[in-house]
Amino acid sequence: MVNIDFALSIGLYSILSIGLIILAWFFGRKQKDKDLSLDPKFIWFCSVCTYTYVQTKDVAFSVCPRCGSYNKRPTEGS
């Protein structure tokens, strides 16, 4: 039978727990970066000033943040 001091067992438990938390954080962060993508329906192109911007709402009309003109979402067939 192996005799382990109480302080040593607490230290090993702490190191192991912290190591597992760091590994979970590291692999979870990589997965989060992979899932980040932008749907093309949120990318708008201003027909007046040619500014490209992101509108997070799914709407038919959008206002350009640069020039203030209204832009209409192009139809699927065009």
C-alpha atoms as a PDB file:
ATOM      1  CA  MET A   1       0.000   0.000   0.000  1.00  0.00           C
ATOM      2  CA  VAL A   2       1.236   3.473  -0.903  1.00  0.00           C
ATOM      3  CA  ASN A   3       1.198   6.080   1.837  1.00  0.00           C
ATOM      4  CA  ILE A   4       0.572   9.635   0.642  1.00  0.00           C
ATOM      5  CA  ASP A   5       0.760  12.695   2.846  1.00  0.00           C
ATOM      6  CA  PHE A   6      -2.478  14.721   3.123  1.00  0.00           C
ATOM      7  CA  ALA A   7      -0.833  17.948   1.859  1.00  0.00           C
ATOM      8  CA  LEU A   8       0.640  16.096  -1.151  1.00  0.00           C
ATOM      9  CA  SER A   9      -2.753  14.607  -2.050  1.00  0.00           C
ATOM     10  CA  ILE A  10      -4.420  18.056  -1.875  1.00  0.00           C
ATOM     11  CA  GLY A  11      -1.633  19.527  -4.037  1.00  0.00           C
ATOM     12  CA  LEU A  12      -1.920  16.784  -6.667  1.00  0.00           C
ATOM     13  CA  TYR A  13      -5.705  17.109  -6.724  1.00  0.00           C
ATOM     14  CA  SER A  14      -5.430  20.886  -7.193  1.00  0.00           C
ATOM     15  CA  ILE A  15      -2.871  20.615 -10.004  1.00  0.00           C
ATOM     16  CA  LEU A  16      -4.925  17.960 -11.788  1.00  0.00           C
ATOM     17  CA  SER A  17      -8.130  20.009 -11.480  1.00  0.00           C
ATOM     18  CA  ILE A  18      -6.484  23.186 -12.786  1.00  0.00           C
ATOM     19  CA  GLY A  19      -4.914  21.244 -15.659  1.00  0.00           C
ATOM     20  CA  LEU A  20      -8.272  19.808 -16.698  1.00  0.00           C
ATOM     21  CA  ILE A  21      -9.890  23.254 -16.575  1.00  0.00           C
ATOM     22  CA  ILE A  22      -7.130  24.709 -18.764  1.00  0.00           C
ATOM     23  CA  LEU A  23      -7.466  21.866 -21.288  1.00  0.00           C
ATOM     24  CA  ALA A  24     -11.254  22.274 -21.433  1.00  0.00           C
ATOM     25  CA  TRP A  25     -10.861  26.019 -21.960  1.00  0.00           C
ATOM     26  CA  PHE A  26      -8.245  25.543 -24.690  1.00  0.00           C
ATOM     27  CA  PHE A  27     -10.244  23.022 -26.712  1.00  0.00           C
ATOM     28  CA  GLY A  28     -13.509  24.875 -26.151  1.00  0.00           C
ATOM     29  CA  ARG A  29     -11.953  28.077 -27.470  1.00  0.00           C
ATOM     30  CA  LYS A  30     -10.787  26.365 -30.660  1.00  0.00           C
ATOM     31  CA  GLN A  31     -14.285  24.992 -31.303  1.00  0.00           C
ATOM     32  CA  LYS A  32     -15.805  28.431 -30.753  1.00  0.00           C
ATOM     33  CA  ASP A  33     -13.460  29.997 -33.326  1.00  0.00           C
ATOM     34  CA  LYS A  34     -14.419  27.377 -35.918  1.00  0.00           C
ATOM     35  CA  ASP A  35     -18.150  28.034 -35.511  1.00  0.00           C
ATOM     36  CA  LEU A  36     -17.794  31.754 -36.229  1.00  0.00           C
ATOM     37  CA  SER A  37     -19.158  32.513 -39.682  1.00  0.00           C
ATOM     38  CA  LEU A  38     -21.158  35.254 -41.339  1.00  0.00           C
ATOM     39  CA  ASP A  39     -24.243  34.502 -43.377  1.00  0.00           C
ATOM     40  CA  PRO A  40     -24.139  36.286 -46.764  1.00  0.00           C
ATOM     41  CA  LYS A  41     -27.678  37.604 -46.249  1.00  0.00           C
ATOM     42  CA  PHE A  42     -26.313  39.994 -43.575  1.00  0.00           C
ATOM     43  CA  ILE A  43     -23.701  41.564 -45.883  1.00  0.00           C
ATOM     44  CA  TRP A  44     -25.016  44.668 -47.661  1.00  0.00           C
ATOM     45  CA  PHE A  45     -23.541  46.695 -50.520  1.00  0.00           C
ATOM     46  CA  CYS A  46     -24.574  50.346 -50.844  1.00  0.00           C
ATOM     47  CA  SER A  47     -25.587  51.226 -54.403  1.00  0.00           C
ATOM     48  CA  VAL A  48     -24.793  54.943 -53.926  1.00  0.00           C
ATOM     49  CA  CYS A  49     -21.412  55.128 -52.143  1.00  0.00           C
ATOM     50  CA  THR A  50     -20.294  51.481 -52.798  1.00  0.00           C
ATOM     51  CA  TYR A  51     -19.736  50.891 -49.072  1.00  0.00           C
ATOM     52  CA  THR A  52     -19.938  47.276 -47.868  1.00  0.00           C
ATOM     53  CA  TYR A  53     -21.426  46.848 -44.390  1.00  0.00           C
ATOM     54  CA  VAL A  54     -23.042  44.283 -42.107  1.00  0.00           C
ATOM     55  CA  GLN A  55     -26.698  44.557 -41.090  1.00  0.00           C
ATOM     56  CA  THR A  56     -27.507  41.962 -38.414  1.00  0.00           C
ATOM     57  CA  LYS A  57     -31.284  42.171 -38.836  1.00  0.00           C
ATOM     58  CA  ASP A  58     -32.970  40.139 -41.560  1.00  0.00           C
ATOM     59  CA  VAL A  59     -34.835  42.993 -43.279  1.00  0.00           C
ATOM     60  CA  ALA A  60     -35.750  43.868 -46.879  1.00  0.00           C
ATOM     61  CA  PHE A  61     -34.426  47.462 -46.689  1.00  0.00           C
ATOM     62  CA  SER A  62     -31.340  48.799 -44.959  1.00  0.00           C
ATOM     63  CA  VAL A  63     -29.841  52.248 -44.352  1.00  0.00           C
ATOM     64  CA  CYS A  64     -26.184  52.717 -45.266  1.00  0.00           C
ATOM     65  CA  PRO A  65     -24.191  53.833 -42.211  1.00  0.00           C
ATOM     66  CA  ARG A  66     -21.863  55.955 -44.365  1.00  0.00           C
ATOM     67  CA  CYS A  67     -24.167  57.973 -46.651  1.00  0.00           C
ATOM     68  CA  GLY A  68     -27.624  57.300 -45.172  1.00  0.00           C
ATOM     69  CA  SER A  69     -29.183  56.031 -48.403  1.00  0.00           C
ATOM     70  CA  TYR A  70     -31.734  53.220 -48.423  1.00  0.00           C
ATOM     71  CA  ASN A  71     -30.741  49.943 -50.008  1.00  0.00           C
ATOM     72  CA  LYS A  72     -33.012  47.106 -51.065  1.00  0.00           C
ATOM     73  CA  ARG A  73     -32.024  43.457 -50.782  1.00  0.00           C
ATOM     74  CA  PRO A  74     -31.476  42.020 -54.257  1.00  0.00           C
ATOM     75  CA  THR A  75     -33.908  39.320 -55.313  1.00  0.00           C
ATOM     76  CA  GLU A  76     -32.714  35.728 -55.694  1.00  0.00           C
ATOM     77  CA  GLY A  77     -33.154  35.720 -59.472  1.00  0.00           C
ATOM     78  CA  SER A  78     -31.134  38.906 -60.111  1.00  0.00           C
END
